[in-house]
């Protein structure tokens, strides 16, 4: 009987140890997640610099989410500031609201940028419009800043003579892509390029239009080049900060050129990196803070 009690006691000890380990791991995961989320939500301190001695006549400078180094990203002020700064193009990210309005937002959820907690695609436009953007560079200058629609963005592109670079963020709206094409056609003077990390997005878009497209990748692989080749008028837009893309005298970048592809690089905030890219022939440069 005494031996049985000792055995049960040992089993309980093991259970307690296991539960403590699980509890510790949960605390680590939750704490780590909270720290990562807090860091993600922090506004980066950008240093605006000029590429006047780097850029050439062929260099197309694309303002990433608008000129987010001086105004909150993906908002009307960010796009307006990009126009005033003389950018050739502005990039944005789009989602479709529950009631069919295409709006500009980078994240699926509004937590980081707005004073409401909603999944963009599960909210109505009215719900999003009733909230304010409350994060981003110089946010204090823009009280009551509302979410920007795709149409407002296109109007700004037209006003400043900038190209539109539109990134599709989700794969579950393919049946509505025609709405975006029709909206873009209302602004015939605006050159529109569609981009996505999801190749299926580009395939669906190619069925509907002949616009330039760019396949977004982290590292240029042979498979990526073959995929881009499989649809007309599609280039490669790669992470220009990854050294892997410059291996063997930038062999993979040069393969893209050999296939006659447009080649772009994102997101370049260091003039020294931009110079490497321009020197190797890349002329589409997406940036947060480098101006002409």
Protein backbone atom coordinates (compact mmCIF):
# COMPACT_ATOMS: atom_id res chain seq x y z
CA UNK A 1 0.00 0.00 0.00
CA UNK A 2 2.82 2.37 0.94
CA UNK A 3 4.64 1.52 -2.33
CA UNK A 4 1.46 2.29 -4.31
CA UNK A 5 1.16 5.69 -2.60
CA UNK A 6 4.78 6.47 -3.51
CA UNK A 7 4.11 5.43 -7.11
CA UNK A 8 1.06 7.68 -7.32
CA UNK A 9 3.03 10.50 -5.78
CA UNK A 10 5.75 10.09 -8.39
CA UNK A 11 3.14 10.13 -11.17
CA UNK A 12 1.67 13.34 -9.84
CA UNK A 13 5.13 14.89 -9.72
CA UNK A 14 5.71 14.01 -13.37
CA UNK A 15 2.32 15.49 -14.29
CA UNK A 16 3.10 18.70 -12.42
CA UNK A 17 6.48 18.97 -14.15
CA UNK A 18 4.87 18.46 -17.58
CA UNK A 19 2.18 21.04 -16.83
CA UNK A 20 4.81 23.52 -15.65
CA UNK A 21 6.80 23.02 -18.85
CA UNK A 22 3.67 23.55 -20.96
CA UNK A 23 2.75 26.67 -18.96
CA UNK A 24 6.31 28.01 -19.38
CA UNK A 25 6.23 27.43 -23.12
CA UNK A 26 2.85 29.15 -23.40
CA UNK A 27 4.21 32.18 -21.53
CA UNK A 28 7.24 32.28 -23.83
CA UNK A 29 5.08 32.03 -26.96
CA UNK A 30 2.56 34.65 -25.78
CA UNK A 31 5.29 37.03 -24.60
CA UNK A 32 7.27 36.57 -27.78
CA UNK A 33 4.16 37.16 -29.86
CA UNK A 34 3.30 40.32 -27.94
CA UNK A 35 6.85 41.65 -28.35
CA UNK A 36 6.84 40.85 -32.09
CA UNK A 37 3.43 42.49 -32.57
CA UNK A 38 4.52 45.58 -30.67
CA UNK A 39 7.65 45.82 -32.80
CA UNK A 40 5.62 45.37 -36.00
CA UNK A 41 3.29 48.20 -34.98
CA UNK A 42 6.08 50.64 -34.19
CA UNK A 43 6.65 53.46 -36.67
CA UNK A 44 10.05 53.22 -38.31
CA UNK A 45 12.29 56.27 -38.18
CA UNK A 46 13.14 56.81 -41.85
CA UNK A 47 16.01 58.86 -43.22
CA UNK A 48 15.02 60.46 -46.50
CA UNK A 49 17.90 60.55 -48.97
CA UNK A 50 18.45 61.51 -52.59
CA UNK A 51 19.53 59.21 -55.40
CA UNK A 52 20.44 62.09 -57.71
CA UNK A 53 23.94 60.72 -58.25
CA UNK A 54 22.72 57.11 -58.63
CA UNK A 55 19.55 57.12 -60.70
CA UNK A 56 19.69 57.38 -64.46
CA UNK A 57 17.11 58.32 -67.08
CA UNK A 58 15.71 54.77 -67.06
CA UNK A 59 15.34 54.50 -63.27
CA UNK A 60 11.70 54.18 -62.24
CA UNK A 61 11.34 55.03 -58.57
CA UNK A 62 8.23 53.53 -56.96
CA UNK A 63 6.99 54.92 -53.64
CA UNK A 64 6.28 51.92 -51.41
CA UNK A 65 2.76 52.27 -49.95
CA UNK A 66 3.08 55.89 -50.97
CA UNK A 67 5.79 58.13 -49.55
CA UNK A 68 5.47 56.42 -46.17
CA UNK A 69 8.64 58.06 -44.87
CA UNK A 70 6.74 61.34 -44.53
CA UNK A 71 3.07 60.33 -44.12
CA UNK A 72 1.11 57.27 -42.89
CA UNK A 73 1.42 54.40 -45.37
CA UNK A 74 -1.28 53.64 -47.95
CA UNK A 75 -3.20 56.84 -47.22
CA UNK A 76 -4.20 59.81 -49.34
CA UNK A 77 -1.46 62.02 -47.77
CA UNK A 78 1.21 59.37 -48.48
CA UNK A 79 0.16 59.17 -52.12
CA UNK A 80 -0.09 62.96 -52.44
CA UNK A 81 3.38 63.40 -50.93
CA UNK A 82 4.79 60.86 -53.40
CA UNK A 83 3.36 62.94 -56.23
CA UNK A 84 4.81 66.16 -54.83
CA UNK A 85 8.21 64.47 -54.41
CA UNK A 86 8.25 63.50 -58.08
CA UNK A 87 8.06 59.72 -57.84
CA UNK A 88 7.43 57.93 -61.15
CA UNK A 89 4.96 55.51 -59.56
CA UNK A 90 3.26 54.62 -56.30
CA UNK A 91 2.64 51.13 -54.98
CA UNK A 92 -0.41 50.18 -52.93
CA UNK A 93 -2.06 47.06 -51.46
CA UNK A 94 -5.73 46.28 -52.04
CA UNK A 95 -8.54 44.29 -50.44
CA UNK A 96 -12.24 44.04 -51.21
CA UNK A 97 -14.65 44.87 -48.40
CA UNK A 98 -17.64 42.70 -47.58
CA UNK A 99 -19.89 45.06 -49.55
CA UNK A 100 -17.67 45.23 -52.63
CA UNK A 101 -15.49 48.34 -52.21
CA UNK A 102 -11.80 48.00 -53.06
CA UNK A 103 -9.76 49.72 -50.36
CA UNK A 104 -6.08 50.32 -49.64
CA UNK A 105 -4.55 48.49 -46.67
CA UNK A 106 -1.44 46.36 -46.28
CA UNK A 107 -2.57 43.98 -43.53
CA UNK A 108 -5.61 41.70 -43.53
CA UNK A 109 -6.54 43.18 -40.16
CA UNK A 110 -6.83 46.86 -39.22
CA UNK A 111 -5.15 46.52 -35.79
CA UNK A 112 -1.78 48.04 -36.74
CA UNK A 113 -3.01 51.08 -38.66
CA UNK A 114 -6.51 51.97 -37.45
CA UNK A 115 -8.43 52.56 -34.24
CA UNK A 116 -10.73 49.63 -34.93
CA UNK A 117 -10.15 45.87 -34.90
CA UNK A 118 -11.60 44.32 -38.03
CA UNK A 119 -10.62 41.98 -40.83
CA UNK A 120 -10.82 44.22 -43.89
CA UNK A 121 -12.61 41.67 -46.07
CA UNK A 122 -15.19 40.94 -43.37
CA UNK A 123 -16.05 44.60 -42.75
CA UNK A 124 -18.24 46.94 -44.76
CA UNK A 125 -16.78 50.08 -46.26
CA UNK A 126 -18.97 52.16 -43.97
CA UNK A 127 -17.54 50.39 -40.91
CA UNK A 128 -13.99 51.09 -42.06
CA UNK A 129 -14.75 54.66 -43.06
CA UNK A 130 -16.15 55.38 -39.59
CA UNK A 131 -12.76 54.52 -38.07
CA UNK A 132 -9.55 56.56 -38.28
CA UNK A 133 -6.00 55.75 -39.28
CA UNK A 134 -4.04 56.34 -36.08
CA UNK A 135 -0.53 55.06 -36.87
CA UNK A 136 2.28 56.06 -39.20
CA UNK A 137 4.87 58.77 -39.78
CA UNK A 138 3.65 62.26 -38.84
CA UNK A 139 0.22 60.91 -37.89
CA UNK A 140 -0.33 63.97 -35.68
CA UNK A 141 -0.55 66.10 -38.82
CA UNK A 142 -3.51 64.09 -40.10
CA UNK A 143 -6.41 63.96 -37.62
CA UNK A 144 -9.50 61.99 -38.65
CA UNK A 145 -7.56 60.30 -41.47
CA UNK A 146 -9.83 57.84 -43.27
CA UNK A 147 -9.10 54.66 -45.19
CA UNK A 148 -8.25 55.28 -48.84
CA UNK A 149 -10.20 53.65 -51.65
CA UNK A 150 -8.67 52.31 -54.84
CA UNK A 151 -10.55 54.96 -56.79
CA UNK A 152 -9.08 57.78 -54.70
CA UNK A 153 -5.63 56.30 -55.27
CA UNK A 154 -6.14 56.19 -59.05
CA UNK A 155 -7.33 59.80 -59.02
CA UNK A 156 -4.08 60.82 -57.30
CA UNK A 157 -2.03 58.85 -59.84
CA UNK A 158 -3.85 60.71 -62.61
CA UNK A 159 -3.39 64.09 -60.91
CA UNK A 160 0.39 63.72 -60.62
CA UNK A 161 1.02 61.68 -63.76
CA UNK A 162 2.29 58.68 -61.79
CA UNK A 163 2.10 55.02 -62.69
CA UNK A 164 -0.08 52.82 -60.48
CA UNK A 165 1.49 49.67 -59.03
CA UNK A 166 -1.28 47.63 -57.42
CA UNK A 167 -0.58 44.62 -55.22
CA UNK A 168 -3.28 42.01 -54.71
CA UNK A 169 -3.10 40.66 -51.17
CA UNK A 170 -5.47 37.68 -51.09
CA UNK A 171 -6.38 34.75 -53.34
CA UNK A 172 -10.06 34.48 -52.48
CA UNK A 173 -11.38 37.35 -54.60
CA UNK A 174 -10.53 36.12 -58.09
CA UNK A 175 -14.14 36.31 -59.21
CA UNK A 176 -14.12 40.07 -58.50
CA UNK A 177 -10.90 41.01 -60.29
CA UNK A 178 -12.95 42.35 -63.19
CA UNK A 179 -14.13 45.14 -60.88
CA UNK A 180 -10.54 46.31 -60.46
CA UNK A 181 -9.89 46.15 -64.22
CA UNK A 182 -13.05 48.18 -64.94
CA UNK A 183 -12.13 50.76 -62.30
CA UNK A 184 -8.64 51.18 -63.78
CA UNK A 185 -10.13 51.66 -67.25
CA UNK A 186 -11.88 54.77 -65.95
CA UNK A 187 -8.41 56.35 -65.78
CA UNK A 188 -6.92 55.67 -69.23
CA UNK A 189 -4.02 58.06 -68.70
CA UNK A 190 -2.76 56.04 -65.72
CA UNK A 191 -0.41 53.19 -66.56
CA UNK A 192 -1.30 50.28 -64.26
CA UNK A 193 0.97 47.41 -63.27
CA UNK A 194 -0.40 44.53 -61.19
CA UNK A 195 1.86 42.69 -58.74
CA UNK A 196 1.48 39.76 -56.34
CA UNK A 197 3.44 37.18 -54.37
CA UNK A 198 0.75 34.67 -55.38
CA UNK A 199 1.25 33.58 -58.97
CA UNK A 200 -2.37 32.38 -59.20
CA UNK A 201 -3.45 36.02 -58.79
CA UNK A 202 -1.45 37.00 -61.86
CA UNK A 203 -2.78 34.06 -63.85
CA UNK A 204 -6.36 35.12 -63.14
CA UNK A 205 -5.60 38.74 -63.98
CA UNK A 206 -3.97 37.76 -67.27
CA UNK A 207 -7.30 36.23 -68.36
CA UNK A 208 -8.87 39.66 -67.99
CA UNK A 209 -6.25 42.18 -69.13
CA UNK A 210 -2.92 42.75 -70.86
CA UNK A 211 -1.41 45.07 -68.24
CA UNK A 212 2.21 44.72 -67.17
CA UNK A 213 2.59 42.34 -64.24
CA UNK A 214 5.36 41.62 -61.78
CA UNK A 215 5.77 38.38 -59.85
CA UNK A 216 7.00 39.22 -56.34
CA UNK A 217 9.64 36.87 -54.94
CA UNK A 218 12.11 36.82 -52.07
CA UNK A 219 14.87 35.06 -53.99
CA UNK A 220 14.97 34.60 -57.76
CA UNK A 221 14.78 30.89 -58.50
CA UNK A 222 14.79 29.26 -61.94
CA UNK A 223 11.24 28.09 -61.23
CA UNK A 224 10.14 31.71 -60.67
CA UNK A 225 11.57 32.74 -64.01
CA UNK A 226 9.76 29.90 -65.76
CA UNK A 227 6.48 30.82 -64.08
CA UNK A 228 6.80 34.46 -65.10
CA UNK A 229 7.62 33.36 -68.66
CA UNK A 230 4.43 31.29 -68.76
CA UNK A 231 2.22 34.37 -68.98
CA UNK A 232 2.77 37.30 -71.32
CA UNK A 233 4.15 40.59 -70.13
CA UNK A 234 5.18 39.41 -66.66
CA UNK A 235 8.43 40.35 -64.96
CA UNK A 236 10.19 39.52 -61.70
CA UNK A 237 10.25 41.84 -58.68
CA UNK A 238 12.68 40.50 -56.08
CA UNK A 239 13.95 41.34 -52.60
CA UNK A 240 16.84 43.62 -53.45
CA UNK A 241 18.27 43.42 -49.95
CA UNK A 242 18.95 39.66 -50.07
CA UNK A 243 22.57 38.92 -50.94
CA UNK A 244 21.51 35.59 -52.47
CA UNK A 245 20.16 37.52 -55.45
CA UNK A 246 23.62 38.92 -56.17
CA UNK A 247 25.47 35.62 -56.09
CA UNK A 248 27.75 34.67 -59.01
CA UNK A 249 27.86 38.19 -60.37
CA UNK A 250 24.07 38.55 -60.13
CA UNK A 251 23.57 35.56 -62.44
CA UNK A 252 19.86 35.12 -61.64
CA UNK A 253 19.10 38.78 -62.28
CA UNK A 254 20.88 38.56 -65.62
CA UNK A 255 18.88 35.43 -66.51
CA UNK A 256 15.73 37.51 -66.20
CA UNK A 257 17.17 40.13 -68.55
CA UNK A 258 18.17 37.40 -71.00
CA UNK A 259 14.52 36.31 -71.09
CA UNK A 260 13.49 39.86 -71.94
CA UNK A 261 11.75 40.42 -68.61
CA UNK A 262 11.16 43.60 -66.70
CA UNK A 263 13.09 43.33 -63.43
CA UNK A 264 12.34 45.25 -60.26
CA UNK A 265 13.66 45.23 -56.70
CA UNK A 266 11.99 45.91 -53.36
CA UNK A 267 12.18 47.52 -50.79
CA UNK A 268 15.37 49.57 -51.17
CA UNK A 269 16.06 52.20 -48.50
CA UNK A 270 19.86 52.16 -48.64
CA UNK A 271 21.41 54.23 -51.47
CA UNK A 272 24.44 51.89 -51.56
CA UNK A 273 22.15 48.92 -52.27
CA UNK A 274 20.29 50.94 -54.88
CA UNK A 275 23.58 51.69 -56.64
CA UNK A 276 24.39 47.95 -56.85
CA UNK A 277 20.98 47.35 -58.41
CA UNK A 278 21.25 50.19 -60.92
CA UNK A 279 24.78 49.08 -61.85
CA UNK A 280 23.55 45.56 -62.65
CA UNK A 281 20.71 46.96 -64.80
CA UNK A 282 17.66 46.90 -62.51
CA UNK A 283 15.61 50.02 -63.19
CA UNK A 284 12.38 49.47 -61.21
CA UNK A 285 13.20 50.42 -57.62
CA UNK A 286 10.56 50.30 -54.88
CA UNK A 287 11.55 52.42 -51.90
CA UNK A 288 10.22 53.93 -48.67
CA UNK A 289 12.54 56.90 -48.46
CA UNK A 290 14.88 57.41 -51.43
CA UNK A 291 13.89 60.23 -53.78
CA UNK A 292 15.34 61.39 -57.09
